[in-house]
C-alpha atoms as a PDB file:
ATOM      1  CA  MET A   1      -7.241   9.562 -19.630  1.00  0.00           C
ATOM      2  CA  THR A   2     -10.648   9.091 -18.086  1.00  0.00           C
ATOM      3  CA  THR A   3     -12.685  11.790 -16.395  1.00  0.00           C
ATOM      4  CA  PRO A   4     -13.968  10.476 -13.038  1.00  0.00           C
ATOM      5  CA  SER A   5     -17.740  10.103 -13.134  1.00  0.00           C
ATOM      6  CA  ALA A   6     -18.291   9.107  -9.500  1.00  0.00           C
ATOM      7  CA  PRO A   7     -16.445   9.227  -6.185  1.00  0.00           C
ATOM      8  CA  LEU A   8     -14.034   6.392  -5.550  1.00  0.00           C
ATOM      9  CA  PRO A   9     -15.234   3.624  -3.214  1.00  0.00           C
ATOM     10  CA  GLY A  10     -14.709   4.177   0.489  1.00  0.00           C
ATOM     11  CA  GLY A  11     -14.420   7.945   0.413  1.00  0.00           C
ATOM     12  CA  THR A  12     -11.326   9.562   1.913  1.00  0.00           C
ATOM     13  CA  TRP A  13      -8.922   9.340   4.843  1.00  0.00           C
ATOM     14  CA  THR A  14      -6.648  11.956   6.376  1.00  0.00           C
ATOM     15  CA  PHE A  15      -2.924  11.384   6.921  1.00  0.00           C
ATOM     16  CA  GLY A  16      -2.112  14.117   9.395  1.00  0.00           C
ATOM     17  CA  ASP A  17      -2.902  17.231   7.356  1.00  0.00           C
ATOM     18  CA  THR A  18      -3.252  15.373   4.039  1.00  0.00           C
ATOM     19  CA  THR A  19      -6.516  13.883   2.749  1.00  0.00           C
ATOM     20  CA  VAL A  20      -6.270  10.902   0.384  1.00  0.00           C
ATOM     21  CA  THR A  21      -8.696   8.556  -1.304  1.00  0.00           C
ATOM     22  CA  ARG A  22      -9.146   5.283   0.557  1.00  0.00           C
ATOM     23  CA  PHE A  23      -8.838   3.532  -2.780  1.00  0.00           C
ATOM     24  CA  GLY A  24      -5.224   3.965  -3.858  1.00  0.00           C
ATOM     25  CA  TYR A  25      -2.824   2.334  -6.269  1.00  0.00           C
ATOM     26  CA  GLY A  26       0.208   0.125  -5.633  1.00  0.00           C
ATOM     27  CA  ALA A  27       2.936   0.526  -8.251  1.00  0.00           C
ATOM     28  CA  MET A  28       5.000  -2.615  -7.565  1.00  0.00           C
ATOM     29  CA  GLN A  29       3.543  -4.559 -10.511  1.00  0.00           C
ATOM     30  CA  LEU A  30       4.782  -1.948 -12.968  1.00  0.00           C
ATOM     31  CA  ALA A  31       8.336  -3.300 -12.754  1.00  0.00           C
ATOM     32  CA  GLY A  32       9.473  -6.380 -14.658  1.00  0.00           C
ATOM     33  CA  PRO A  33       9.283 -10.025 -13.524  1.00  0.00           C
ATOM     34  CA  TRP A  34      10.095 -10.541  -9.823  1.00  0.00           C
ATOM     35  CA  VAL A  35       9.944  -6.736  -9.471  1.00  0.00           C
ATOM     36  CA  MET A  36      13.211  -6.418 -11.366  1.00  0.00           C
ATOM     37  CA  GLY A  37      13.970  -4.395 -14.457  1.00  0.00           C
ATOM     38  CA  PRO A  38      11.698  -2.435 -16.779  1.00  0.00           C
ATOM     39  CA  PRO A  39       8.113  -3.326 -17.647  1.00  0.00           C
ATOM     40  CA  ALA A  40       7.336  -5.291 -20.771  1.00  0.00           C
ATOM     41  CA  ASP A  41       5.028  -2.464 -21.858  1.00  0.00           C
ATOM     42  CA  HIS A  42       6.535   0.888 -20.919  1.00  0.00           C
ATOM     43  CA  ASP A  43       3.789   2.974 -22.502  1.00  0.00           C
ATOM     44  CA  GLY A  44       1.133   0.816 -20.827  1.00  0.00           C
ATOM     45  CA  ALA A  45       2.764   1.399 -17.430  1.00  0.00           C
ATOM     46  CA  VAL A  46       2.742   5.160 -17.964  1.00  0.00           C
ATOM     47  CA  ALA A  47      -0.877   4.965 -19.109  1.00  0.00           C
ATOM     48  CA  VAL A  48      -2.085   3.112 -16.011  1.00  0.00           C
ATOM     49  CA  LEU A  49      -0.460   5.684 -13.714  1.00  0.00           C
ATOM     50  CA  ARG A  50      -2.093   8.540 -15.587  1.00  0.00           C
ATOM     51  CA  GLU A  51      -5.408   6.696 -15.595  1.00  0.00           C
ATOM     52  CA  ALA A  52      -5.206   6.204 -11.828  1.00  0.00           C
ATOM     53  CA  VAL A  53      -4.836   9.929 -11.242  1.00  0.00           C
ATOM     54  CA  ALA A  54      -7.462  10.754 -13.862  1.00  0.00           C
ATOM     55  CA  LEU A  55      -9.924   8.487 -12.053  1.00  0.00           C
ATOM     56  CA  GLY A  56      -9.383  10.492  -8.884  1.00  0.00           C
ATOM     57  CA  ILE A  57      -6.858   8.348  -6.976  1.00  0.00           C
ATOM     58  CA  THR A  58      -4.697  10.504  -4.709  1.00  0.00           C
ATOM     59  CA  HIS A  59      -2.613   7.802  -2.962  1.00  0.00           C
ATOM     60  CA  ILE A  60       0.125   5.942  -4.835  1.00  0.00           C
ATOM     61  CA  ASP A  61       2.402   3.439  -3.091  1.00  0.00           C
ATOM     62  CA  THR A  62       5.903   2.750  -4.401  1.00  0.00           C
ATOM     63  CA  SER A  63       9.528   2.145  -3.417  1.00  0.00           C
ATOM     64  CA  ASP A  64      12.874   2.918  -4.990  1.00  0.00           C
ATOM     65  CA  ALA A  65      13.653  -0.795  -4.463  1.00  0.00           C
ATOM     66  CA  TYR A  66      11.037  -1.746  -7.073  1.00  0.00           C
ATOM     67  CA  GLY A  67      13.073  -2.346 -10.189  1.00  0.00           C
ATOM     68  CA  PRO A  68      15.164  -0.936  -8.531  1.00  0.00           C
ATOM     69  CA  ARG A  69      14.231   2.683  -9.372  1.00  0.00           C
ATOM     70  CA  VAL A  70      11.919   1.536 -12.158  1.00  0.00           C
ATOM     71  CA  THR A  71       8.534   2.330 -10.615  1.00  0.00           C
ATOM     72  CA  ASN A  72       9.688   5.647  -9.174  1.00  0.00           C
ATOM     73  CA  GLU A  73      11.063   6.740 -12.534  1.00  0.00           C
ATOM     74  CA  LEU A  74       7.834   5.688 -14.252  1.00  0.00           C
ATOM     75  CA  ILE A  75       5.820   7.686 -11.722  1.00  0.00           C
ATOM     76  CA  ARG A  76       8.018  10.719 -12.354  1.00  0.00           C
ATOM     77  CA  GLU A  77       7.720  10.352 -16.130  1.00  0.00           C
ATOM     78  CA  ALA A  78       3.955   9.889 -16.028  1.00  0.00           C
ATOM     79  CA  LEU A  79       2.923  12.394 -13.375  1.00  0.00           C
ATOM     80  CA  HIS A  80       5.612  15.004 -12.640  1.00  0.00           C
ATOM     81  CA  PRO A  81       4.947  17.816 -11.803  1.00  0.00           C
ATOM     82  CA  TYR A  82       2.653  16.066  -9.360  1.00  0.00           C
ATOM     83  CA  PRO A  83      -0.889  17.375  -8.923  1.00  0.00           C
ATOM     84  CA  GLU A  84      -1.498  18.962  -5.519  1.00  0.00           C
ATOM     85  CA  PRO A  85      -3.855  16.311  -4.057  1.00  0.00           C
ATOM     86  CA  LEU A  86      -1.514  13.399  -4.860  1.00  0.00           C
ATOM     87  CA  LEU A  87       0.345  11.675  -1.999  1.00  0.00           C
ATOM     88  CA  ILE A  88       3.167   9.300  -2.918  1.00  0.00           C
ATOM     89  CA  ALA A  89       4.103   6.804  -0.215  1.00  0.00           C
ATOM     90  CA  THR A  90       7.384   4.926  -0.350  1.00  0.00           C
ATOM     91  CA  LYS A  91       9.226   2.315   1.724  1.00  0.00           C
ATOM     92  CA  VAL A  92      12.764   1.899   2.990  1.00  0.00           C
ATOM     93  CA  GLY A  93      14.557  -0.872   4.855  1.00  0.00           C
ATOM     94  CA  ALA A  94      15.538  -3.201   2.019  1.00  0.00           C
ATOM     95  CA  THR A  95      17.565  -3.080  -1.181  1.00  0.00           C
ATOM     96  CA  ARG A  96      17.882  -5.490  -4.129  1.00  0.00           C
ATOM     97  CA  ASP A  97      20.659  -7.881  -5.041  1.00  0.00           C
ATOM     98  CA  ALA A  98      21.641  -9.269  -8.441  1.00  0.00           C
ATOM     99  CA  GLN A  99      19.567 -12.395  -7.843  1.00  0.00           C
ATOM    100  CA  GLY A 100      16.392 -10.406  -7.192  1.00  0.00           C
ATOM    101  CA  GLY A 101      16.543 -10.839  -3.417  1.00  0.00           C
ATOM    102  CA  TRP A 102      15.570  -8.242  -0.835  1.00  0.00           C
ATOM    103  CA  PRO A 103      18.479  -7.936   1.618  1.00  0.00           C
ATOM    104  CA  THR A 104      17.719  -5.740   4.596  1.00  0.00           C
ATOM    105  CA  ALA A 105      19.329  -2.303   4.773  1.00  0.00           C
ATOM    106  CA  ARG A 106      18.426  -0.619   8.051  1.00  0.00           C
ATOM    107  CA  ARG A 107      21.608   0.974   9.316  1.00  0.00           C
ATOM    108  CA  PRO A 108      21.275   4.762   9.639  1.00  0.00           C
ATOM    109  CA  GLU A 109      23.572   5.444   6.695  1.00  0.00           C
ATOM    110  CA  GLU A 110      21.685   2.954   4.523  1.00  0.00           C
ATOM    111  CA  LEU A 111      18.322   4.498   5.365  1.00  0.00           C
ATOM    112  CA  ARG A 112      19.592   7.992   4.619  1.00  0.00           C
ATOM    113  CA  GLU A 113      20.874   6.739   1.272  1.00  0.00           C
ATOM    114  CA  GLN A 114      17.496   5.171   0.452  1.00  0.00           C
ATOM    115  CA  VAL A 115      15.584   8.323   1.365  1.00  0.00           C
ATOM    116  CA  HIS A 116      17.818  10.418  -0.886  1.00  0.00           C
ATOM    117  CA  ALA A 117      17.497   7.835  -3.676  1.00  0.00           C
ATOM    118  CA  ASN A 118      13.695   8.080  -3.468  1.00  0.00           C
ATOM    119  CA  LEU A 119      13.866  11.869  -3.511  1.00  0.00           C
ATOM    120  CA  GLU A 120      16.079  11.794  -6.601  1.00  0.00           C
ATOM    121  CA  SER A 121      14.142   9.200  -8.581  1.00  0.00           C
ATOM    122  CA  LEU A 122      10.766  10.829  -7.814  1.00  0.00           C
ATOM    123  CA  GLY A 123      12.121  14.309  -8.491  1.00  0.00           C
ATOM    124  CA  ILE A 124      10.956  15.963  -5.261  1.00  0.00           C
ATOM    125  CA  GLU A 125      12.472  17.794  -2.300  1.00  0.00           C
ATOM    126  CA  ALA A 126      10.504  16.030   0.449  1.00  0.00           C
ATOM    127  CA  LEU A 127       8.808  12.630   0.588  1.00  0.00           C
ATOM    128  CA  ASP A 128       5.103  12.665   1.468  1.00  0.00           C
ATOM    129  CA  LEU A 129       5.164   9.411   3.450  1.00  0.00           C
ATOM    130  CA  VAL A 130       7.912   6.919   4.224  1.00  0.00           C
ATOM    131  CA  ASN A 131       7.173   3.480   5.675  1.00  0.00           C
ATOM    132  CA  MET A 132       9.901   1.778   7.693  1.00  0.00           C
ATOM    133  CA  ARG A 133       9.723  -1.865   6.571  1.00  0.00           C
ATOM    134  CA  MET A 134      10.764  -4.502   9.084  1.00  0.00           C
ATOM    135  CA  GLY A 135      10.769  -8.317   9.047  1.00  0.00           C
ATOM    136  CA  ASP A 136      11.591 -10.148   5.824  1.00  0.00           C
ATOM    137  CA  ALA A 137       9.895 -11.769   2.838  1.00  0.00           C
ATOM    138  CA  LEU A 138       8.443 -14.439   5.117  1.00  0.00           C
ATOM    139  CA  GLY A 139       6.665 -11.930   7.347  1.00  0.00           C
ATOM    140  CA  THR A 140       7.152 -10.062  10.586  1.00  0.00           C
ATOM    141  CA  GLN A 141      10.007 -10.769  12.978  1.00  0.00           C
ATOM    142  CA  PRO A 142      10.447  -9.661  16.597  1.00  0.00           C
ATOM    143  CA  GLY A 143      13.096  -7.112  17.444  1.00  0.00           C
ATOM    144  CA  SER A 144      13.611  -3.436  18.066  1.00  0.00           C
ATOM    145  CA  LEU A 145      13.117  -0.870  15.319  1.00  0.00           C
ATOM    146  CA  ALA A 146      14.286   2.010  17.489  1.00  0.00           C
ATOM    147  CA  GLU A 147      17.535   2.817  15.675  1.00  0.00           C
ATOM    148  CA  ALA A 148      16.028   2.502  12.190  1.00  0.00           C
ATOM    149  CA  PHE A 149      12.823   4.377  12.916  1.00  0.00           C
ATOM    150  CA  GLY A 150      14.726   6.967  14.902  1.00  0.00           C
ATOM    151  CA  THR A 151      16.778   7.684  11.787  1.00  0.00           C
ATOM    152  CA  LEU A 152      13.580   8.350   9.812  1.00  0.00           C
ATOM    153  CA  ALA A 153      12.343  10.602  12.624  1.00  0.00           C
ATOM    154  CA  ASP A 154      15.605  12.558  12.314  1.00  0.00           C
ATOM    155  CA  LEU A 155      15.075  12.888   8.563  1.00  0.00           C
ATOM    156  CA  GLN A 156      11.534  14.081   9.205  1.00  0.00           C
ATOM    157  CA  ARG A 157      12.851  16.781  11.530  1.00  0.00           C
ATOM    158  CA  GLU A 158      15.299  17.754   8.779  1.00  0.00           C
ATOM    159  CA  GLY A 159      12.348  18.355   6.448  1.00  0.00           C
ATOM    160  CA  LEU A 160      12.991  15.464   4.045  1.00  0.00           C
ATOM    161  CA  ILE A 161       9.914  13.447   5.112  1.00  0.00           C
ATOM    162  CA  ARG A 162       6.415  14.733   5.890  1.00  0.00           C
ATOM    163  CA  HIS A 163       4.729  11.656   7.388  1.00  0.00           C
ATOM    164  CA  LEU A 164       6.004   8.385   8.826  1.00  0.00           C
ATOM    165  CA  GLY A 165       4.604   4.870   8.809  1.00  0.00           C
ATOM    166  CA  VAL A 166       5.724   1.310   9.530  1.00  0.00           C
ATOM    167  CA  SER A 167       5.384  -1.877   7.510  1.00  0.00           C
ATOM    168  CA  ASN A 168       5.585  -5.630   8.128  1.00  0.00           C
ATOM    169  CA  VAL A 169       5.540  -5.032  11.871  1.00  0.00           C
ATOM    170  CA  THR A 170       4.342  -6.643  15.080  1.00  0.00           C
ATOM    171  CA  VAL A 171       2.067  -5.029  17.650  1.00  0.00           C
ATOM    172  CA  GLU A 172       5.111  -4.411  19.849  1.00  0.00           C
ATOM    173  CA  GLN A 173       6.986  -2.697  17.029  1.00  0.00           C
ATOM    174  CA  VAL A 174       4.012  -0.440  16.308  1.00  0.00           C
ATOM    175  CA  ALA A 175       3.994   0.637  19.950  1.00  0.00           C
ATOM    176  CA  GLU A 176       7.752   1.177  19.914  1.00  0.00           C
ATOM    177  CA  ALA A 177       7.546   3.329  16.782  1.00  0.00           C
ATOM    178  CA  ARG A 178       4.748   5.437  18.246  1.00  0.00           C
ATOM    179  CA  GLY A 179       6.950   6.088  21.273  1.00  0.00           C
ATOM    180  CA  ILE A 180       9.587   7.603  18.989  1.00  0.00           C
ATOM    181  CA  ALA A 181       7.493   9.675  16.569  1.00  0.00           C
ATOM    182  CA  PRO A 182       3.864   9.877  15.404  1.00  0.00           C
ATOM    183  CA  ILE A 183       2.894   7.429  12.665  1.00  0.00           C
ATOM    184  CA  VAL A 184       0.045   7.872  10.187  1.00  0.00           C
ATOM    185  CA  CYS A 185      -0.213   4.282   8.925  1.00  0.00           C
ATOM    186  CA  VAL A 186       0.708   0.638   9.315  1.00  0.00           C
ATOM    187  CA  GLN A 187       1.235  -1.418   6.146  1.00  0.00           C
ATOM    188  CA  ASN A 188       0.978  -5.171   6.806  1.00  0.00           C
ATOM    189  CA  HIS A 189      -0.123  -8.397   5.111  1.00  0.00           C
ATOM    190  CA  TYR A 190      -3.880  -8.618   5.565  1.00  0.00           C
ATOM    191  CA  ASN A 191      -6.882  -9.744   3.585  1.00  0.00           C
ATOM    192  CA  LEU A 192     -10.093 -11.718   3.909  1.00  0.00           C
ATOM    193  CA  ALA A 193      -8.143 -14.960   4.411  1.00  0.00           C
ATOM    194  CA  HIS A 194      -5.300 -13.577   6.554  1.00  0.00           C
ATOM    195  CA  ARG A 195      -6.779 -11.973   9.642  1.00  0.00           C
ATOM    196  CA  GLU A 196      -3.964 -12.041  12.203  1.00  0.00           C
ATOM    197  CA  ASP A 197      -4.079  -8.245  12.440  1.00  0.00           C
ATOM    198  CA  ASP A 198      -7.803  -7.954  13.192  1.00  0.00           C
ATOM    199  CA  ASP A 199      -7.229  -6.469  16.640  1.00  0.00           C
ATOM    200  CA  MET A 200      -4.519  -4.160  15.328  1.00  0.00           C
ATOM    201  CA  VAL A 201      -6.853  -2.805  12.646  1.00  0.00           C
ATOM    202  CA  ASP A 202      -9.455  -1.925  15.255  1.00  0.00           C
ATOM    203  CA  HIS A 203      -6.993  -0.389  17.730  1.00  0.00           C
ATOM    204  CA  LEU A 204      -5.432   1.757  15.021  1.00  0.00           C
ATOM    205  CA  ALA A 205      -8.866   2.894  13.844  1.00  0.00           C
ATOM    206  CA  ALA A 206      -9.680   4.048  17.366  1.00  0.00           C
ATOM    207  CA  ASP A 207      -6.464   6.099  17.378  1.00  0.00           C
ATOM    208  CA  GLY A 208      -7.027   7.599  13.908  1.00  0.00           C
ATOM    209  CA  ILE A 209      -4.192   5.666  12.252  1.00  0.00           C
ATOM    210  CA  ALA A 210      -4.626   4.114   8.811  1.00  0.00           C
ATOM    211  CA  TYR A 211      -4.085   0.441   8.051  1.00  0.00           C
ATOM    212  CA  VAL A 212      -2.859  -0.299   4.516  1.00  0.00           C
ATOM    213  CA  PRO A 213      -3.013  -4.012   3.610  1.00  0.00           C
ATOM    214  CA  TYR A 214      -0.574  -5.410   1.099  1.00  0.00           C
ATOM    215  CA  PHE A 215      -1.382  -8.606  -0.799  1.00  0.00           C
ATOM    216  CA  PRO A 216      -5.089  -7.718  -0.447  1.00  0.00           C
ATOM    217  CA  LEU A 217      -6.056 -10.459  -2.917  1.00  0.00           C
ATOM    218  CA  GLY A 218      -3.440 -13.173  -2.380  1.00  0.00           C
ATOM    219  CA  GLY A 219      -2.846 -16.313  -0.367  1.00  0.00           C
ATOM    220  CA  PHE A 220      -6.267 -17.942  -0.282  1.00  0.00           C
ATOM    221  CA  THR A 221      -6.352 -21.701   0.325  1.00  0.00           C
ATOM    222  CA  PRO A 222      -8.563 -23.785  -2.006  1.00  0.00           C
ATOM    223  CA  LEU A 223     -11.145 -24.138   0.767  1.00  0.00           C
ATOM    224  CA  GLN A 224     -11.190 -20.390   1.402  1.00  0.00           C
ATOM    225  CA  SER A 225     -11.394 -19.698  -2.317  1.00  0.00           C
ATOM    226  CA  GLU A 226     -14.392 -22.007  -2.587  1.00  0.00           C
ATOM    227  CA  ALA A 227     -16.155 -20.217   0.266  1.00  0.00           C
ATOM    228  CA  LEU A 228     -15.429 -16.854  -1.327  1.00  0.00           C
ATOM    229  CA  SER A 229     -16.696 -18.057  -4.699  1.00  0.00           C
ATOM    230  CA  GLN A 230     -19.967 -19.175  -3.121  1.00  0.00           C
ATOM    231  CA  VAL A 231     -20.604 -15.650  -1.824  1.00  0.00           C
ATOM    232  CA  ALA A 232     -19.450 -14.129  -5.121  1.00  0.00           C
ATOM    233  CA  ASN A 233     -21.790 -16.364  -7.114  1.00  0.00           C
ATOM    234  CA  ARG A 234     -24.708 -15.342  -4.935  1.00  0.00           C
ATOM    235  CA  LEU A 235     -23.851 -11.683  -5.567  1.00  0.00           C
ATOM    236  CA  GLU A 236     -23.114 -12.302  -9.268  1.00  0.00           C
ATOM    237  CA  ALA A 237     -19.697 -10.729  -8.834  1.00  0.00           C
ATOM    238  CA  ALA A 238     -16.084 -11.773  -9.285  1.00  0.00           C
ATOM    239  CA  PRO A 239     -14.477 -13.307  -6.165  1.00  0.00           C
ATOM    240  CA  MET A 240     -11.691 -10.736  -6.086  1.00  0.00           C
ATOM    241  CA  ALA A 241     -14.240  -7.919  -6.329  1.00  0.00           C
ATOM    242  CA  VAL A 242     -15.930  -9.317  -3.230  1.00  0.00           C
ATOM    243  CA  ALA A 243     -12.576  -9.536  -1.428  1.00  0.00           C
ATOM    244  CA  LEU A 244     -11.839  -5.863  -2.166  1.00  0.00           C
ATOM    245  CA  ALA A 245     -15.338  -4.824  -1.153  1.00  0.00           C
ATOM    246  CA  TRP A 246     -14.920  -6.691   2.134  1.00  0.00           C
ATOM    247  CA  LEU A 247     -11.779  -4.690   2.889  1.00  0.00           C
ATOM    248  CA  THR A 248     -13.557  -1.428   2.061  1.00  0.00           C
ATOM    249  CA  ARG A 249     -16.362  -2.342   4.444  1.00  0.00           C
ATOM    250  CA  ARG A 250     -14.192  -3.975   7.142  1.00  0.00           C
ATOM    251  CA  SER A 251     -13.041  -0.718   8.769  1.00  0.00           C
ATOM    252  CA  PRO A 252     -12.976   2.952   7.740  1.00  0.00           C
ATOM    253  CA  ASN A 253      -9.226   3.186   8.382  1.00  0.00           C
ATOM    254  CA  ILE A 254      -8.359   0.507   5.788  1.00  0.00           C
ATOM    255  CA  LEU A 255      -6.792   2.021   2.665  1.00  0.00           C
ATOM    256  CA  LEU A 256      -6.512  -0.128  -0.454  1.00  0.00           C
ATOM    257  CA  ILE A 257      -3.480  -0.163  -2.754  1.00  0.00           C
ATOM    258  CA  PRO A 258      -4.159  -3.016  -5.222  1.00  0.00           C
ATOM    259  CA  GLY A 259      -1.672  -3.054  -8.060  1.00  0.00           C
ATOM    260  CA  THR A 260      -2.076  -3.722 -11.739  1.00  0.00           C
ATOM    261  CA  SER A 261      -0.334  -2.939 -15.018  1.00  0.00           C
ATOM    262  CA  SER A 262      -3.643  -2.724 -16.906  1.00  0.00           C
ATOM    263  CA  THR A 263      -6.000   0.239 -17.108  1.00  0.00           C
ATOM    264  CA  ALA A 264      -8.939  -2.120 -17.630  1.00  0.00           C
ATOM    265  CA  HIS A 265      -8.018  -4.107 -14.523  1.00  0.00           C
ATOM    266  CA  LEU A 266      -7.616  -0.859 -12.572  1.00  0.00           C
ATOM    267  CA  ARG A 267     -11.185   0.098 -13.400  1.00  0.00           C
ATOM    268  CA  GLU A 268     -12.358  -3.420 -12.489  1.00  0.00           C
ATOM    269  CA  ASN A 269     -10.659  -3.126  -9.094  1.00  0.00           C
ATOM    270  CA  ILE A 270     -12.357   0.198  -8.429  1.00  0.00           C
ATOM    271  CA  ALA A 271     -15.731  -1.249  -9.352  1.00  0.00           C
ATOM    272  CA  GLY A 272     -15.089  -4.285  -7.175  1.00  0.00           C
ATOM    273  CA  ALA A 273     -14.189  -2.219  -4.129  1.00  0.00           C
ATOM    274  CA  GLY A 274     -17.492  -0.379  -4.540  1.00  0.00           C
ATOM    275  CA  LEU A 275     -19.597  -3.537  -4.501  1.00  0.00           C
ATOM    276  CA  ALA A 276     -22.350  -3.177  -1.883  1.00  0.00           C
ATOM    277  CA  LEU A 277     -22.199  -5.954   0.730  1.00  0.00           C
ATOM    278  CA  THR A 278     -25.049  -6.572   3.148  1.00  0.00           C
ATOM    279  CA  ASP A 279     -24.600  -7.480   6.805  1.00  0.00           C
ATOM    280  CA  GLU A 280     -25.443 -11.064   5.840  1.00  0.00           C
ATOM    281  CA  ASP A 281     -22.715 -11.025   3.186  1.00  0.00           C
ATOM    282  CA  MET A 282     -20.196  -9.699   5.710  1.00  0.00           C
ATOM    283  CA  ALA A 283     -21.142 -12.377   8.236  1.00  0.00           C
ATOM    284  CA  ALA A 284     -20.604 -15.127   5.663  1.00  0.00           C
ATOM    285  CA  LEU A 285     -17.306 -13.652   4.509  1.00  0.00           C
ATOM    286  CA  ASP A 286     -16.017 -13.137   8.046  1.00  0.00           C
ATOM    287  CA  LYS A 287     -16.032 -16.910   8.546  1.00  0.00           C
ATOM    288  CA  ILE A 288     -13.469 -17.425   5.779  1.00  0.00           C
ATOM    289  CA  GLY A 289     -10.420 -16.177   7.661  1.00  0.00           C
ATOM    290  CA  ARG A 290     -11.326 -17.515  11.095  1.00  0.00           C
END
């Protein structure tokens, strides 16, 4: 493992009473193809988790549905007993079928089962943070989350969950959740090319709520990729490094959870997120997603 030589890019953020690094790690890619089954390189998966913590990362994102159970069991193998600063965030609201699909599972009994499955596979008595995932693989969908999120609020009162968040949600669903119980984060699809949540990011920042983008490096059109490459070439940096750096600079409440199964790529992502962008760089990049 590597001894951290410098602070991680972006500094820290506080979830309620818990401070985490803004640069985190998403564990989804540690499972097999289509997020099903074991990794091709088990020892490499364990190594990247240990490297993440050794480099100072204190925020790991996972779900018992990844594999299923695979990423949680890898996290437990690699890191249990968990160091005190580490926060492990998980998600509920979907399961897996034999074809690799993600059928929704949001009835109260299903959510309770998922919470207990996460507790068991991670080997803990209470989950640090649970995100209630709505919508489907195609994105957000309108509709009430009251029953589902209310179930998680009940589990929080029972002491099984410390912090609550929501994922793949609309503005209206965020407001509905906040009317039921405090949330510490929103986890939605957002990156330099996908800016539908711009206003949400800013409103959450004003209220001290984190925004955690998933797919931070995916979904660029060829035209957007060309525009990004032009900025990257001027900075003599990789395009994806510039995209991560933009997120770090975009708002102080944005927390990054890029995933990788490679320790070398993990270090590259950290370096990329720390790339210094000028106001002129930000202005040029802002045009890409608008």
